[in-house]
Amino acid sequence: ELSRILANTNRQAQPGDYFILNEVQTPAVLVETGFISNPQEAGLLKQAEYQAKLAWAIYLAVIKYVEQLTT
């Protein structure tokens, strides 16, 4: 959803052995919305409109996932 809504990246989720996801006792997700070490992305992350788009994309992704669980 992030790629579709923001249309600014072609990055895809990568599998990995993430401690935080392996050790929690509840369902969890790790979302990287940008890299503050990248000046262009850091600038975007400061913008309220961009933050709203990020939040909307994450919301839609969660809804989509939950709907898939129930079908």
N, C-alpha and C. Protein backbone atom coordinates (compact mmCIF):
# COMPACT_ATOMS: atom_id res chain seq x y z
N GLU A 1 0.81 -1.19 0.00
CA GLU A 1 0.00 0.00 0.00
C GLU A 1 0.86 1.26 0.00
N LEU A 2 1.97 1.24 0.72
CA LEU A 2 2.84 2.42 0.73
C LEU A 2 3.32 2.74 -0.67
N SER A 3 3.77 1.74 -1.39
CA SER A 3 4.26 1.98 -2.75
C SER A 3 3.15 2.50 -3.65
N ARG A 4 1.96 1.94 -3.51
CA ARG A 4 0.84 2.33 -4.37
C ARG A 4 0.39 3.76 -4.08
N ILE A 5 0.24 4.10 -2.82
CA ILE A 5 -0.29 5.41 -2.46
C ILE A 5 0.74 6.52 -2.62
N LEU A 6 1.97 6.25 -2.22
CA LEU A 6 3.00 7.30 -2.29
C LEU A 6 3.63 7.39 -3.67
N ALA A 7 3.66 6.30 -4.39
CA ALA A 7 4.23 6.25 -5.74
C ALA A 7 5.62 6.86 -5.80
N ASN A 8 6.40 6.64 -4.74
CA ASN A 8 7.75 7.20 -4.74
C ASN A 8 8.84 6.16 -4.49
N THR A 9 8.47 4.90 -4.48
CA THR A 9 9.46 3.87 -4.23
C THR A 9 9.02 2.56 -4.86
N ASN A 10 9.98 1.73 -5.13
CA ASN A 10 9.67 0.38 -5.59
C ASN A 10 10.19 -0.65 -4.59
N ARG A 11 10.49 -0.19 -3.39
CA ARG A 11 10.96 -1.09 -2.34
C ARG A 11 9.86 -2.08 -1.97
N GLN A 12 10.29 -3.28 -1.66
CA GLN A 12 9.36 -4.33 -1.26
C GLN A 12 9.77 -4.86 0.10
N ALA A 13 8.84 -5.48 0.78
CA ALA A 13 9.14 -6.10 2.07
C ALA A 13 10.17 -7.20 1.87
N GLN A 14 11.10 -7.26 2.78
CA GLN A 14 12.14 -8.27 2.73
C GLN A 14 12.05 -9.15 3.97
N PRO A 15 12.20 -10.45 3.78
CA PRO A 15 12.19 -11.33 4.95
C PRO A 15 13.44 -11.09 5.79
N GLY A 16 13.33 -11.34 7.06
CA GLY A 16 14.48 -11.17 7.92
C GLY A 16 14.20 -11.71 9.30
N ASP A 17 15.24 -11.84 10.08
CA ASP A 17 15.16 -12.35 11.44
C ASP A 17 15.20 -11.15 12.38
N TYR A 18 14.04 -10.56 12.63
CA TYR A 18 13.95 -9.34 13.43
C TYR A 18 13.57 -9.68 14.87
N PHE A 19 14.45 -9.35 15.79
CA PHE A 19 14.24 -9.65 17.20
C PHE A 19 12.88 -9.17 17.68
N ILE A 20 12.56 -7.93 17.39
CA ILE A 20 11.32 -7.34 17.89
C ILE A 20 10.10 -8.12 17.41
N LEU A 21 10.14 -8.63 16.21
CA LEU A 21 8.99 -9.39 15.69
C LEU A 21 8.99 -10.82 16.19
N ASN A 22 10.15 -11.36 16.46
CA ASN A 22 10.24 -12.74 16.93
C ASN A 22 9.91 -12.89 18.41
N GLU A 23 10.12 -11.85 19.20
CA GLU A 23 10.01 -11.97 20.65
C GLU A 23 8.71 -11.45 21.25
N VAL A 24 7.94 -10.69 20.51
CA VAL A 24 6.69 -10.17 21.08
C VAL A 24 5.66 -11.28 21.19
N GLN A 25 4.76 -11.14 22.13
CA GLN A 25 3.74 -12.15 22.38
C GLN A 25 2.41 -11.83 21.68
N THR A 26 2.36 -10.74 20.96
CA THR A 26 1.15 -10.33 20.26
C THR A 26 1.48 -10.12 18.78
N PRO A 27 0.47 -10.09 17.93
CA PRO A 27 0.74 -9.80 16.52
C PRO A 27 1.44 -8.44 16.39
N ALA A 28 2.39 -8.37 15.48
CA ALA A 28 3.16 -7.13 15.32
C ALA A 28 3.57 -6.96 13.87
N VAL A 29 3.87 -5.72 13.53
CA VAL A 29 4.36 -5.40 12.20
C VAL A 29 5.43 -4.33 12.34
N LEU A 30 6.42 -4.38 11.48
CA LEU A 30 7.48 -3.38 11.46
C LEU A 30 7.36 -2.62 10.15
N VAL A 31 7.15 -1.31 10.24
CA VAL A 31 6.97 -0.49 9.04
C VAL A 31 8.08 0.56 8.99
N GLU A 32 8.86 0.53 7.94
CA GLU A 32 9.87 1.56 7.72
C GLU A 32 9.31 2.53 6.70
N THR A 33 9.05 3.75 7.13
CA THR A 33 8.41 4.73 6.26
C THR A 33 9.39 5.62 5.53
N GLY A 34 10.65 5.50 5.85
CA GLY A 34 11.68 6.31 5.20
C GLY A 34 12.95 6.25 6.01
N PHE A 35 13.97 6.87 5.47
CA PHE A 35 15.28 6.87 6.12
C PHE A 35 15.69 8.32 6.36
N ILE A 36 15.86 8.68 7.63
CA ILE A 36 16.23 10.07 7.94
C ILE A 36 17.65 10.39 7.52
N SER A 37 18.43 9.36 7.19
CA SER A 37 19.78 9.60 6.67
C SER A 37 19.75 10.03 5.20
N ASN A 38 18.60 9.89 4.56
CA ASN A 38 18.41 10.33 3.18
C ASN A 38 17.75 11.71 3.23
N PRO A 39 18.45 12.76 2.82
CA PRO A 39 17.90 14.12 2.94
C PRO A 39 16.53 14.31 2.29
N GLN A 40 16.32 13.70 1.14
CA GLN A 40 15.02 13.84 0.46
C GLN A 40 13.91 13.19 1.28
N GLU A 41 14.16 11.98 1.77
CA GLU A 41 13.16 11.29 2.57
C GLU A 41 12.95 12.00 3.91
N ALA A 42 14.02 12.50 4.50
CA ALA A 42 13.90 13.23 5.76
C ALA A 42 13.00 14.45 5.59
N GLY A 43 13.14 15.14 4.48
CA GLY A 43 12.29 16.29 4.19
C GLY A 43 10.83 15.90 4.06
N LEU A 44 10.58 14.80 3.38
CA LEU A 44 9.20 14.34 3.22
C LEU A 44 8.59 13.96 4.57
N LEU A 45 9.38 13.29 5.40
CA LEU A 45 8.87 12.83 6.69
C LEU A 45 8.48 13.98 7.61
N LYS A 46 8.96 15.17 7.35
CA LYS A 46 8.61 16.35 8.15
C LYS A 46 7.29 16.98 7.73
N GLN A 47 6.77 16.60 6.56
CA GLN A 47 5.57 17.23 6.01
C GLN A 47 4.30 16.55 6.51
N ALA A 48 3.38 17.34 7.03
CA ALA A 48 2.13 16.80 7.56
C ALA A 48 1.34 16.05 6.49
N GLU A 49 1.31 16.56 5.28
CA GLU A 49 0.57 15.89 4.20
C GLU A 49 1.17 14.51 3.91
N TYR A 50 2.48 14.42 3.89
CA TYR A 50 3.15 13.14 3.64
C TYR A 50 2.88 12.18 4.80
N GLN A 51 2.92 12.69 6.02
CA GLN A 51 2.63 11.85 7.18
C GLN A 51 1.21 11.30 7.11
N ALA A 52 0.28 12.12 6.67
CA ALA A 52 -1.11 11.67 6.53
C ALA A 52 -1.22 10.57 5.49
N LYS A 53 -0.50 10.70 4.38
CA LYS A 53 -0.51 9.66 3.36
C LYS A 53 0.08 8.36 3.90
N LEU A 54 1.17 8.47 4.67
CA LEU A 54 1.77 7.28 5.28
C LEU A 54 0.76 6.59 6.19
N ALA A 55 0.11 7.37 7.04
CA ALA A 55 -0.86 6.81 7.97
C ALA A 55 -2.01 6.14 7.23
N TRP A 56 -2.49 6.76 6.17
CA TRP A 56 -3.58 6.20 5.37
C TRP A 56 -3.15 4.88 4.72
N ALA A 57 -1.96 4.84 4.19
CA ALA A 57 -1.46 3.63 3.53
C ALA A 57 -1.32 2.49 4.54
N ILE A 58 -0.82 2.80 5.72
CA ILE A 58 -0.68 1.76 6.76
C ILE A 58 -2.05 1.28 7.20
N TYR A 59 -2.98 2.18 7.38
CA TYR A 59 -4.35 1.82 7.74
C TYR A 59 -4.95 0.88 6.70
N LEU A 60 -4.84 1.24 5.43
CA LEU A 60 -5.39 0.40 4.36
C LEU A 60 -4.74 -0.97 4.34
N ALA A 61 -3.44 -1.03 4.57
CA ALA A 61 -2.73 -2.31 4.57
C ALA A 61 -3.22 -3.20 5.71
N VAL A 62 -3.45 -2.62 6.87
CA VAL A 62 -3.96 -3.41 8.00
C VAL A 62 -5.36 -3.92 7.70
N ILE A 63 -6.21 -3.06 7.17
CA ILE A 63 -7.57 -3.48 6.81
C ILE A 63 -7.52 -4.61 5.79
N LYS A 64 -6.70 -4.47 4.78
CA LYS A 64 -6.56 -5.49 3.75
C LYS A 64 -6.12 -6.83 4.35
N TYR A 65 -5.16 -6.77 5.26
CA TYR A 65 -4.66 -7.98 5.90
C TYR A 65 -5.75 -8.65 6.73
N VAL A 66 -6.47 -7.87 7.52
CA VAL A 66 -7.52 -8.43 8.36
C VAL A 66 -8.62 -9.04 7.50
N GLU A 67 -8.97 -8.39 6.41
CA GLU A 67 -9.99 -8.94 5.51
C GLU A 67 -9.54 -10.27 4.91
N GLN A 68 -8.26 -10.41 4.61
CA GLN A 68 -7.75 -11.67 4.08
C GLN A 68 -7.83 -12.78 5.12
N LEU A 69 -7.69 -12.44 6.38
CA LEU A 69 -7.78 -13.44 7.45
C LEU A 69 -9.18 -13.99 7.59
N THR A 70 -10.17 -13.18 7.26
CA THR A 70 -11.56 -13.59 7.47
C THR A 70 -12.20 -14.21 6.24
N THR A 71 -11.45 -14.33 5.15
CA THR A 71 -12.03 -14.94 3.95
C THR A 71 -11.47 -16.31 3.70
